[in-house]
PDB file of all heavy atoms in Angstrom:
ATOM      1  N   THR A   1     -56.815-250.099 -60.717  1.00  0.00           N
ATOM      2  CA  THR A   1     -56.176-249.219 -59.765  1.00  0.00           C
ATOM      3  C   THR A   1     -56.874-249.333 -58.427  1.00  0.00           C
ATOM      4  O   THR A   1     -58.104-249.325 -58.318  1.00  0.00           O
ATOM      5  CB  THR A   1     -56.047-247.788 -60.255  1.00  0.00           C
ATOM      6  OG1 THR A   1     -55.346-247.767 -61.475  1.00  0.00           O
ATOM      7  CG2 THR A   1     -55.404-246.900 -59.203  1.00  0.00           C
ATOM      8  N   VAL A   2     -56.038-249.368 -57.363  1.00  0.00           N
ATOM      9  CA  VAL A   2     -56.611-249.305 -55.982  1.00  0.00           C
ATOM     10  C   VAL A   2     -56.022-248.154 -55.228  1.00  0.00           C
ATOM     11  O   VAL A   2     -54.833-247.776 -55.476  1.00  0.00           O
ATOM     12  CB  VAL A   2     -56.328-250.652 -55.233  1.00  0.00           C
ATOM     13  CG1 VAL A   2     -54.805-250.814 -55.029  1.00  0.00           C
ATOM     14  CG2 VAL A   2     -57.058-250.681 -53.918  1.00  0.00           C
ATOM     15  N   TYR A   3     -56.796-247.523 -54.336  1.00  0.00           N
ATOM     16  CA  TYR A   3     -56.365-246.365 -53.656  1.00  0.00           C
ATOM     17  C   TYR A   3     -56.466-246.577 -52.179  1.00  0.00           C
ATOM     18  O   TYR A   3     -57.292-247.362 -51.707  1.00  0.00           O
ATOM     19  CB  TYR A   3     -57.219-245.105 -53.987  1.00  0.00           C
ATOM     20  CG  TYR A   3     -57.366-244.854 -55.470  1.00  0.00           C
ATOM     21  CD1 TYR A   3     -58.333-245.402 -56.260  1.00  0.00           C
ATOM     22  CD2 TYR A   3     -56.395-244.068 -56.150  1.00  0.00           C
ATOM     23  CE1 TYR A   3     -58.408-245.160 -57.616  1.00  0.00           C
ATOM     24  CE2 TYR A   3     -56.408-243.789 -57.524  1.00  0.00           C
ATOM     25  CZ  TYR A   3     -57.452-244.328 -58.234  1.00  0.00           C
ATOM     26  OH  TYR A   3     -57.582-244.039 -59.576  1.00  0.00           O
ATOM     27  N   LEU A   4     -55.736-245.871 -51.427  1.00  0.00           N
ATOM     28  CA  LEU A   4     -55.802-245.830 -49.985  1.00  0.00           C
ATOM     29  C   LEU A   4     -55.744-244.377 -49.498  1.00  0.00           C
ATOM     30  O   LEU A   4     -54.689-243.760 -49.535  1.00  0.00           O
ATOM     31  CB  LEU A   4     -54.729-246.654 -49.291  1.00  0.00           C
ATOM     32  CG  LEU A   4     -54.831-246.795 -47.811  1.00  0.00           C
ATOM     33  CD1 LEU A   4     -56.075-247.650 -47.402  1.00  0.00           C
ATOM     34  CD2 LEU A   4     -53.536-247.433 -47.178  1.00  0.00           C
ATOM     35  N   GLN A   5     -56.983-243.921 -49.110  1.00  0.00           N
ATOM     36  CA  GLN A   5     -56.997-242.557 -48.562  1.00  0.00           C
ATOM     37  C   GLN A   5     -56.798-242.644 -47.025  1.00  0.00           C
ATOM     38  O   GLN A   5     -57.573-243.287 -46.328  1.00  0.00           O
ATOM     39  CB  GLN A   5     -58.365-241.947 -48.865  1.00  0.00           C
ATOM     40  CG  GLN A   5     -58.593-240.554 -48.238  1.00  0.00           C
ATOM     41  CD  GLN A   5     -57.673-239.511 -48.912  1.00  0.00           C
ATOM     42  OE1 GLN A   5     -57.657-239.404 -50.120  1.00  0.00           O
ATOM     43  NE2 GLN A   5     -57.041-238.757 -48.097  1.00  0.00           N
ATOM     44  N   MET A   6     -55.757-242.016 -46.581  1.00  0.00           N
ATOM     45  CA  MET A   6     -55.345-242.017 -45.177  1.00  0.00           C
ATOM     46  C   MET A   6     -55.520-240.658 -44.556  1.00  0.00           C
ATOM     47  O   MET A   6     -54.961-239.669 -45.052  1.00  0.00           O
ATOM     48  CB  MET A   6     -53.881-242.510 -45.058  1.00  0.00           C
ATOM     49  CG  MET A   6     -53.609-243.836 -45.744  1.00  0.00           C
ATOM     50  SD  MET A   6     -51.902-244.435 -45.477  1.00  0.00           S
ATOM     51  CE  MET A   6     -50.998-243.150 -46.348  1.00  0.00           C
ATOM     52  N   SER A   7     -56.286-240.597 -43.506  1.00  0.00           N
ATOM     53  CA  SER A   7     -56.514-239.383 -42.813  1.00  0.00           C
ATOM     54  C   SER A   7     -56.245-239.596 -41.286  1.00  0.00           C
ATOM     55  O   SER A   7     -56.110-240.748 -40.850  1.00  0.00           O
ATOM     56  CB  SER A   7     -57.989-238.942 -42.920  1.00  0.00           C
ATOM     57  OG  SER A   7     -58.337-238.677 -44.299  1.00  0.00           O
ATOM     58  N   GLY A   8     -56.018-238.522 -40.657  1.00  0.00           N
ATOM     59  CA  GLY A   8     -55.655-238.588 -39.230  1.00  0.00           C
ATOM     60  C   GLY A   8     -54.429-239.440 -38.954  1.00  0.00           C
ATOM     61  O   GLY A   8     -54.388-240.268 -38.036  1.00  0.00           O
ATOM     62  N   LEU A   9     -53.445-239.240 -39.790  1.00  0.00           N
ATOM     63  CA  LEU A   9     -52.207-240.024 -39.749  1.00  0.00           C
ATOM     64  C   LEU A   9     -51.506-239.828 -38.385  1.00  0.00           C
ATOM     65  O   LEU A   9     -51.442-238.743 -37.839  1.00  0.00           O
ATOM     66  CB  LEU A   9     -51.329-239.729 -40.870  1.00  0.00           C
ATOM     67  CG  LEU A   9     -51.796-240.360 -42.188  1.00  0.00           C
ATOM     68  CD1 LEU A   9     -51.055-239.720 -43.344  1.00  0.00           C
ATOM     69  CD2 LEU A   9     -51.495-241.844 -42.186  1.00  0.00           C
ATOM     70  N   LYS A  10     -50.903-240.907 -37.879  1.00  0.00           N
ATOM     71  CA  LYS A  10     -50.205-240.939 -36.609  1.00  0.00           C
ATOM     72  C   LYS A  10     -48.766-241.359 -36.838  1.00  0.00           C
ATOM     73  O   LYS A  10     -48.521-242.090 -37.816  1.00  0.00           O
ATOM     74  CB  LYS A  10     -50.868-241.939 -35.640  1.00  0.00           C
ATOM     75  CG  LYS A  10     -52.397-241.583 -35.410  1.00  0.00           C
ATOM     76  CD  LYS A  10     -53.012-242.702 -34.561  1.00  0.00           C
ATOM     77  CE  LYS A  10     -54.480-242.451 -34.339  1.00  0.00           C
ATOM     78  NZ  LYS A  10     -55.101-243.566 -33.588  1.00  0.00           N
ATOM     79  N   PRO A  11     -47.887-241.001 -35.963  1.00  0.00           N
ATOM     80  CA  PRO A  11     -46.507-241.523 -36.132  1.00  0.00           C
ATOM     81  C   PRO A  11     -46.378-243.038 -36.277  1.00  0.00           C
ATOM     82  O   PRO A  11     -45.429-243.502 -36.962  1.00  0.00           O
ATOM     83  CB  PRO A  11     -45.755-241.008 -34.907  1.00  0.00           C
ATOM     84  CG  PRO A  11     -46.587-239.754 -34.530  1.00  0.00           C
ATOM     85  CD  PRO A  11     -48.031-240.066 -34.863  1.00  0.00           C
ATOM     86  N   GLU A  12     -47.163-243.714 -35.559  1.00  0.00           N
ATOM     87  CA  GLU A  12     -47.124-245.163 -35.629  1.00  0.00           C
ATOM     88  C   GLU A  12     -47.572-245.758 -36.919  1.00  0.00           C
ATOM     89  O   GLU A  12     -47.419-246.943 -37.230  1.00  0.00           O
ATOM     90  CB  GLU A  12     -47.943-245.827 -34.471  1.00  0.00           C
ATOM     91  CG  GLU A  12     -49.423-245.388 -34.352  1.00  0.00           C
ATOM     92  CD  GLU A  12     -49.610-244.264 -33.434  1.00  0.00           C
ATOM     93  OE1 GLU A  12     -48.750-243.342 -33.293  1.00  0.00           O
ATOM     94  OE2 GLU A  12     -50.585-244.323 -32.709  1.00  0.00           O
ATOM     95  N   ASN A  13     -48.133-244.910 -37.796  1.00  0.00           N
ATOM     96  CA  ASN A  13     -48.490-245.311 -39.162  1.00  0.00           C
ATOM     97  C   ASN A  13     -47.263-245.313 -40.143  1.00  0.00           C
ATOM     98  O   ASN A  13     -47.435-245.693 -41.265  1.00  0.00           O
ATOM     99  CB  ASN A  13     -49.583-244.466 -39.727  1.00  0.00           C
ATOM    100  CG  ASN A  13     -50.899-244.597 -38.994  1.00  0.00           C
ATOM    101  OD1 ASN A  13     -51.599-243.533 -38.816  1.00  0.00           O
ATOM    102  ND2 ASN A  13     -51.196-245.744 -38.434  1.00  0.00           N
ATOM    103  N   THR A  14     -46.148-244.832 -39.618  1.00  0.00           N
ATOM    104  CA  THR A  14     -44.921-244.816 -40.456  1.00  0.00           C
ATOM    105  C   THR A  14     -44.551-246.171 -40.819  1.00  0.00           C
ATOM    106  O   THR A  14     -44.356-247.075 -40.007  1.00  0.00           O
ATOM    107  CB  THR A  14     -43.783-244.108 -39.692  1.00  0.00           C
ATOM    108  OG1 THR A  14     -44.158-242.735 -39.458  1.00  0.00           O
ATOM    109  CG2 THR A  14     -42.535-244.148 -40.487  1.00  0.00           C
ATOM    110  N   ALA A  15     -44.396-246.400 -42.099  1.00  0.00           N
ATOM    111  CA  ALA A  15     -44.021-247.688 -42.663  1.00  0.00           C
ATOM    112  C   ALA A  15     -43.866-247.616 -44.163  1.00  0.00           C
ATOM    113  O   ALA A  15     -44.199-246.628 -44.764  1.00  0.00           O
ATOM    114  CB  ALA A  15     -45.140-248.720 -42.328  1.00  0.00           C
ATOM    115  N   VAL A  16     -43.372-248.708 -44.723  1.00  0.00           N
ATOM    116  CA  VAL A  16     -43.380-248.871 -46.155  1.00  0.00           C
ATOM    117  C   VAL A  16     -44.745-249.553 -46.504  1.00  0.00           C
ATOM    118  O   VAL A  16     -45.041-250.597 -45.930  1.00  0.00           O
ATOM    119  CB  VAL A  16     -42.229-249.684 -46.691  1.00  0.00           C
ATOM    120  CG1 VAL A  16     -42.313-249.907 -48.197  1.00  0.00           C
ATOM    121  CG2 VAL A  16     -40.931-249.030 -46.380  1.00  0.00           C
ATOM    122  N   TYR A  17     -45.457-248.940 -47.384  1.00  0.00           N
ATOM    123  CA  TYR A  17     -46.775-249.466 -47.759  1.00  0.00           C
ATOM    124  C   TYR A  17     -46.668-250.210 -49.119  1.00  0.00           C
ATOM    125  O   TYR A  17     -46.145-249.618 -50.073  1.00  0.00           O
ATOM    126  CB  TYR A  17     -47.805-248.379 -47.868  1.00  0.00           C
ATOM    127  CG  TYR A  17     -48.306-247.877 -46.486  1.00  0.00           C
ATOM    128  CD1 TYR A  17     -47.387-247.229 -45.658  1.00  0.00           C
ATOM    129  CD2 TYR A  17     -49.544-248.185 -46.010  1.00  0.00           C
ATOM    130  CE1 TYR A  17     -47.806-246.762 -44.408  1.00  0.00           C
ATOM    131  CE2 TYR A  17     -49.960-247.761 -44.749  1.00  0.00           C
ATOM    132  CZ  TYR A  17     -49.124-247.095 -43.935  1.00  0.00           C
ATOM    133  OH  TYR A  17     -49.583-246.675 -42.686  1.00  0.00           O
ATOM    134  N   TYR A  18     -47.166-251.388 -49.107  1.00  0.00           N
ATOM    135  CA  TYR A  18     -47.065-252.243 -50.337  1.00  0.00           C
ATOM    136  C   TYR A  18     -48.428-252.547 -50.864  1.00  0.00           C
ATOM    137  O   TYR A  18     -49.367-252.835 -50.127  1.00  0.00           O
ATOM    138  CB  TYR A  18     -46.357-253.628 -50.043  1.00  0.00           C
ATOM    139  CG  TYR A  18     -44.965-253.446 -49.566  1.00  0.00           C
ATOM    140  CD1 TYR A  18     -44.625-253.355 -48.212  1.00  0.00           C
ATOM    141  CD2 TYR A  18     -43.920-253.469 -50.504  1.00  0.00           C
ATOM    142  CE1 TYR A  18     -43.291-253.273 -47.807  1.00  0.00           C
ATOM    143  CE2 TYR A  18     -42.563-253.365 -50.101  1.00  0.00           C
ATOM    144  CZ  TYR A  18     -42.304-253.301 -48.753  1.00  0.00           C
ATOM    145  OH  TYR A  18     -40.982-253.206 -48.343  1.00  0.00           O
ATOM    146  N   CYS A  19     -48.561-252.469 -52.189  1.00  0.00           N
ATOM    147  CA  CYS A  19     -49.810-252.884 -52.852  1.00  0.00           C
ATOM    148  C   CYS A  19     -49.687-254.367 -53.206  1.00  0.00           C
ATOM    149  O   CYS A  19     -48.614-254.837 -53.664  1.00  0.00           O
ATOM    150  CB  CYS A  19     -49.934-252.076 -54.181  1.00  0.00           C
ATOM    151  SG  CYS A  19     -51.366-252.435 -55.183  1.00  0.00           S
ATOM    152  N   ASN A  20     -50.833-255.004 -53.169  1.00  0.00           N
ATOM    153  CA  ASN A  20     -50.963-256.408 -53.460  1.00  0.00           C
ATOM    154  C   ASN A  20     -52.172-256.660 -54.321  1.00  0.00           C
ATOM    155  O   ASN A  20     -53.203-256.096 -54.126  1.00  0.00           O
ATOM    156  CB  ASN A  20     -50.990-257.272 -52.189  1.00  0.00           C
ATOM    157  CG  ASN A  20     -51.213-258.810 -52.488  1.00  0.00           C
ATOM    158  OD1 ASN A  20     -52.404-259.231 -52.510  1.00  0.00           O
ATOM    159  ND2 ASN A  20     -50.148-259.446 -52.637  1.00  0.00           N
ATOM    160  N   GLY A  21     -51.999-257.577 -55.337  1.00  0.00           N
ATOM    161  CA  GLY A  21     -53.191-257.910 -56.154  1.00  0.00           C
ATOM    162  C   GLY A  21     -53.217-259.370 -56.398  1.00  0.00           C
ATOM    163  O   GLY A  21     -52.218-260.063 -56.623  1.00  0.00           O
ATOM    164  N   LYS A  22     -54.455-259.959 -56.254  1.00  0.00           N
ATOM    165  CA  LYS A  22     -54.654-261.359 -56.604  1.00  0.00           C
ATOM    166  C   LYS A  22     -55.148-261.414 -58.052  1.00  0.00           C
ATOM    167  O   LYS A  22     -56.295-260.976 -58.309  1.00  0.00           O
ATOM    168  CB  LYS A  22     -55.724-261.940 -55.665  1.00  0.00           C
ATOM    169  CG  LYS A  22     -55.923-263.427 -55.814  1.00  0.00           C
ATOM    170  CD  LYS A  22     -56.989-263.914 -54.787  1.00  0.00           C
ATOM    171  CE  LYS A  22     -57.264-265.349 -54.938  1.00  0.00           C
ATOM    172  NZ  LYS A  22     -58.305-265.821 -53.996  1.00  0.00           N
ATOM    173  N   ILE A  23     -54.311-261.869 -58.945  1.00  0.00           N
ATOM    174  CA  ILE A  23     -54.494-261.668 -60.367  1.00  0.00           C
ATOM    175  C   ILE A  23     -54.365-262.890 -61.168  1.00  0.00           C
ATOM    176  O   ILE A  23     -53.556-263.769 -60.874  1.00  0.00           O
ATOM    177  CB  ILE A  23     -53.448-260.610 -60.850  1.00  0.00           C
ATOM    178  CG1 ILE A  23     -53.617-259.264 -60.079  1.00  0.00           C
ATOM    179  CG2 ILE A  23     -53.557-260.428 -62.341  1.00  0.00           C
ATOM    180  CD1 ILE A  23     -52.548-258.292 -60.398  1.00  0.00           C
ATOM    181  N   ARG A  24     -55.236-263.032 -62.136  1.00  0.00           N
ATOM    182  CA  ARG A  24     -55.195-264.114 -63.098  1.00  0.00           C
ATOM    183  C   ARG A  24     -54.644-263.562 -64.420  1.00  0.00           C
ATOM    184  O   ARG A  24     -55.157-262.581 -64.949  1.00  0.00           O
ATOM    185  CB  ARG A  24     -56.548-264.766 -63.345  1.00  0.00           C
ATOM    186  CG  ARG A  24     -56.479-266.034 -64.185  1.00  0.00           C
ATOM    187  CD  ARG A  24     -57.871-266.599 -64.463  1.00  0.00           C
ATOM    188  NE  ARG A  24     -58.591-266.998 -63.266  1.00  0.00           N
ATOM    189  CZ  ARG A  24     -58.420-268.145 -62.663  1.00  0.00           C
ATOM    190  NH1 ARG A  24     -57.592-269.026 -63.120  1.00  0.00           N
ATOM    191  NH2 ARG A  24     -59.146-268.432 -61.552  1.00  0.00           N
ATOM    192  N   THR A  25     -53.631-264.214 -64.966  1.00  0.00           N
ATOM    193  CA  THR A  25     -53.056-263.745 -66.230  1.00  0.00           C
ATOM    194  C   THR A  25     -53.476-264.669 -67.391  1.00  0.00           C
ATOM    195  O   THR A  25     -54.103-265.685 -67.195  1.00  0.00           O
ATOM    196  CB  THR A  25     -51.540-263.658 -66.142  1.00  0.00           C
ATOM    197  OG1 THR A  25     -50.996-265.015 -66.056  1.00  0.00           O
ATOM    198  CG2 THR A  25     -51.115-262.891 -64.916  1.00  0.00           C
ATOM    199  N   GLY A  26     -53.036-264.358 -68.620  1.00  0.00           N
ATOM    200  CA  GLY A  26     -53.289-265.197 -69.753  1.00  0.00           C
ATOM    201  C   GLY A  26     -52.416-266.348 -69.790  1.00  0.00           C
ATOM    202  O   GLY A  26     -52.706-267.321 -70.523  1.00  0.00           O
ATOM    203  N   VAL A  27     -51.327-266.396 -69.009  1.00  0.00           N
ATOM    204  CA  VAL A  27     -50.436-267.538 -68.999  1.00  0.00           C
ATOM    205  C   VAL A  27     -50.810-268.613 -67.952  1.00  0.00           C
ATOM    206  O   VAL A  27     -50.870-269.788 -68.188  1.00  0.00           O
ATOM    207  CB  VAL A  27     -48.999-267.104 -68.727  1.00  0.00           C
ATOM    208  CG1 VAL A  27     -48.097-268.279 -68.623  1.00  0.00           C
ATOM    209  CG2 VAL A  27     -48.499-266.138 -69.828  1.00  0.00           C
ATOM    210  N   LEU A  28     -51.237-268.108 -66.822  1.00  0.00           N
ATOM    211  CA  LEU A  28     -51.550-269.030 -65.685  1.00  0.00           C
ATOM    212  C   LEU A  28     -53.032-269.171 -65.558  1.00  0.00           C
ATOM    213  O   LEU A  28     -53.817-268.188 -65.775  1.00  0.00           O
ATOM    214  CB  LEU A  28     -50.994-268.480 -64.373  1.00  0.00           C
ATOM    215  CG  LEU A  28     -49.438-268.305 -64.327  1.00  0.00           C
ATOM    216  CD1 LEU A  28     -49.049-267.655 -63.030  1.00  0.00           C
ATOM    217  CD2 LEU A  28     -48.745-269.600 -64.555  1.00  0.00           C
ATOM    218  N   SER A  29     -53.507-270.325 -65.192  1.00  0.00           N
ATOM    219  CA  SER A  29     -54.890-270.637 -64.925  1.00  0.00           C
ATOM    220  C   SER A  29     -55.275-270.379 -63.544  1.00  0.00           C
ATOM    221  O   SER A  29     -56.479-270.328 -63.221  1.00  0.00           O
ATOM    222  CB  SER A  29     -55.299-272.024 -65.375  1.00  0.00           C
ATOM    223  OG  SER A  29     -54.504-273.024 -64.580  1.00  0.00           O
ATOM    224  N   SER A  30     -54.306-270.295 -62.634  1.00  0.00           N
ATOM    225  CA  SER A  30     -54.564-270.069 -61.220  1.00  0.00           C
ATOM    226  C   SER A  30     -54.299-268.647 -60.819  1.00  0.00           C
ATOM    227  O   SER A  30     -53.710-267.896 -61.582  1.00  0.00           O
ATOM    228  CB  SER A  30     -53.725-270.980 -60.394  1.00  0.00           C
ATOM    229  OG  SER A  30     -52.312-270.747 -60.644  1.00  0.00           O
ATOM    230  N   TRP A  31     -54.839-268.289 -59.690  1.00  0.00           N
ATOM    231  CA  TRP A  31     -54.601-266.970 -59.140  1.00  0.00           C
ATOM    232  C   TRP A  31     -53.176-266.811 -58.586  1.00  0.00           C
ATOM    233  O   TRP A  31     -52.659-267.754 -57.959  1.00  0.00           O
ATOM    234  CB  TRP A  31     -55.584-266.637 -58.089  1.00  0.00           C
ATOM    235  CG  TRP A  31     -57.022-266.595 -58.436  1.00  0.00           C
ATOM    236  CD1 TRP A  31     -57.973-267.527 -58.276  1.00  0.00           C
ATOM    237  CD2 TRP A  31     -57.643-265.492 -59.161  1.00  0.00           C
ATOM    238  NE1 TRP A  31     -59.169-267.190 -58.841  1.00  0.00           N
ATOM    239  CE2 TRP A  31     -59.010-265.883 -59.359  1.00  0.00           C
ATOM    240  CE3 TRP A  31     -57.247-264.270 -59.674  1.00  0.00           C
ATOM    241  CZ2 TRP A  31     -59.939-265.098 -60.013  1.00  0.00           C
ATOM    242  CZ3 TRP A  31     -58.173-263.480 -60.293  1.00  0.00           C
ATOM    243  CH2 TRP A  31     -59.530-263.901 -60.510  1.00  0.00           C
ATOM    244  N   THR A  32     -52.579-265.682 -58.838  1.00  0.00           N
ATOM    245  CA  THR A  32     -51.230-265.371 -58.337  1.00  0.00           C
ATOM    246  C   THR A  32     -51.252-264.041 -57.641  1.00  0.00           C
ATOM    247  O   THR A  32     -51.910-263.074 -58.106  1.00  0.00           O
ATOM    248  CB  THR A  32     -50.225-265.344 -59.485  1.00  0.00           C
ATOM    249  OG1 THR A  32     -50.240-266.580 -60.136  1.00  0.00           O
ATOM    250  CG2 THR A  32     -48.848-265.082 -58.913  1.00  0.00           C
ATOM    251  N   TYR A  33     -50.572-264.005 -56.511  1.00  0.00           N
ATOM    252  CA  TYR A  33     -50.414-262.726 -55.779  1.00  0.00           C
ATOM    253  C   TYR A  33     -49.226-261.933 -56.273  1.00  0.00           C
ATOM    254  O   TYR A  33     -48.085-262.534 -56.414  1.00  0.00           O
ATOM    255  CB  TYR A  33     -50.305-262.908 -54.310  1.00  0.00           C
ATOM    256  CG  TYR A  33     -51.576-263.331 -53.622  1.00  0.00           C
ATOM    257  CD1 TYR A  33     -51.919-264.712 -53.450  1.00  0.00           C
ATOM    258  CD2 TYR A  33     -52.485-262.412 -53.182  1.00  0.00           C
ATOM    259  CE1 TYR A  33     -53.113-265.044 -52.916  1.00  0.00           C
ATOM    260  CE2 TYR A  33     -53.655-262.730 -52.577  1.00  0.00           C
ATOM    261  CZ  TYR A  33     -53.967-264.071 -52.430  1.00  0.00           C
ATOM    262  OH  TYR A  33     -55.210-264.401 -51.818  1.00  0.00           O
ATOM    263  N   TYR A  34     -49.378-260.669 -56.608  1.00  0.00           N
ATOM    264  CA  TYR A  34     -48.280-259.851 -57.044  1.00  0.00           C
ATOM    265  C   TYR A  34     -48.118-258.680 -56.085  1.00  0.00           C
ATOM    266  O   TYR A  34     -49.099-258.222 -55.485  1.00  0.00           O
ATOM    267  CB  TYR A  34     -48.552-259.267 -58.435  1.00  0.00           C
ATOM    268  CG  TYR A  34     -48.519-260.370 -59.515  1.00  0.00           C
ATOM    269  CD1 TYR A  34     -49.676-261.036 -59.862  1.00  0.00           C
ATOM    270  CD2 TYR A  34     -47.374-260.710 -60.197  1.00  0.00           C
ATOM    271  CE1 TYR A  34     -49.698-262.022 -60.849  1.00  0.00           C
ATOM    272  CE2 TYR A  34     -47.348-261.663 -61.152  1.00  0.00           C
ATOM    273  CZ  TYR A  34     -48.501-262.339 -61.502  1.00  0.00           C
ATOM    274  OH  TYR A  34     -48.528-263.296 -62.501  1.00  0.00           O
ATOM    275  N   TRP A  35     -46.893-258.203 -55.963  1.00  0.00           N
ATOM    276  CA  TRP A  35     -46.548-257.124 -55.025  1.00  0.00           C
ATOM    277  C   TRP A  35     -45.949-255.970 -55.741  1.00  0.00           C
ATOM    278  O   TRP A  35     -45.208-256.111 -56.692  1.00  0.00           O
ATOM    279  CB  TRP A  35     -45.574-257.643 -53.967  1.00  0.00           C
ATOM    280  CG  TRP A  35     -46.162-258.659 -53.027  1.00  0.00           C
ATOM    281  CD1 TRP A  35     -46.121-259.993 -53.188  1.00  0.00           C
ATOM    282  CD2 TRP A  35     -46.860-258.350 -51.858  1.00  0.00           C
ATOM    283  NE1 TRP A  35     -46.767-260.591 -52.089  1.00  0.00           N
ATOM    284  CE2 TRP A  35     -47.208-259.584 -51.269  1.00  0.00           C
ATOM    285  CE3 TRP A  35     -47.281-257.190 -51.209  1.00  0.00           C
ATOM    286  CZ2 TRP A  35     -47.938-259.733 -50.036  1.00  0.00           C
ATOM    287  CZ3 TRP A  35     -47.953-257.308 -49.993  1.00  0.00           C
ATOM    288  CH2 TRP A  35     -48.289-258.493 -49.470  1.00  0.00           C
ATOM    289  N   GLY A  36     -46.287-254.754 -55.263  1.00  0.00           N
ATOM    290  CA  GLY A  36     -45.589-253.607 -55.717  1.00  0.00           C
ATOM    291  C   GLY A  36     -44.264-253.427 -55.050  1.00  0.00           C
ATOM    292  O   GLY A  36     -43.858-254.189 -54.166  1.00  0.00           O
ATOM    293  N   GLN A  37     -43.594-252.379 -55.389  1.00  0.00           N
ATOM    294  CA  GLN A  37     -42.201-252.121 -54.840  1.00  0.00           C
ATOM    295  C   GLN A  37     -42.256-251.500 -53.475  1.00  0.00           C
ATOM    296  O   GLN A  37     -41.197-251.479 -52.785  1.00  0.00           O
ATOM    297  CB  GLN A  37     -41.397-251.311 -55.866  1.00  0.00           C
ATOM    298  CG  GLN A  37     -41.660-249.817 -55.803  1.00  0.00           C
ATOM    299  CD  GLN A  37     -42.984-249.381 -56.392  1.00  0.00           C
ATOM    300  OE1 GLN A  37     -43.618-250.224 -57.025  1.00  0.00           O
ATOM    301  NE2 GLN A  37     -43.318-248.090 -56.274  1.00  0.00           N
ATOM    302  N   GLY A  38     -43.378-250.939 -53.101  1.00  0.00           N
ATOM    303  CA  GLY A  38     -43.534-250.195 -51.840  1.00  0.00           C
ATOM    304  C   GLY A  38     -43.310-248.740 -51.967  1.00  0.00           C
ATOM    305  O   GLY A  38     -42.563-248.251 -52.810  1.00  0.00           O
ATOM    306  N   THR A  39     -44.028-247.998 -51.094  1.00  0.00           N
ATOM    307  CA  THR A  39     -43.844-246.594 -51.049  1.00  0.00           C
ATOM    308  C   THR A  39     -43.813-246.126 -49.570  1.00  0.00           C
ATOM    309  O   THR A  39     -44.526-246.642 -48.714  1.00  0.00           O
ATOM    310  CB  THR A  39     -45.007-245.821 -51.778  1.00  0.00           C
ATOM    311  OG1 THR A  39     -44.762-244.384 -51.798  1.00  0.00           O
ATOM    312  CG2 THR A  39     -46.307-246.059 -51.110  1.00  0.00           C
TER     313      THR A  39
END
């Protein structure tokens, strides 16, 4: 799990925030980037 604590938020920070992970699985031998659905 990764967290992002955001303080002092500004209107220009309005956006869809996406999580990304560089992950190795049991199927692939190489690193693969995965994305969340966004919040």
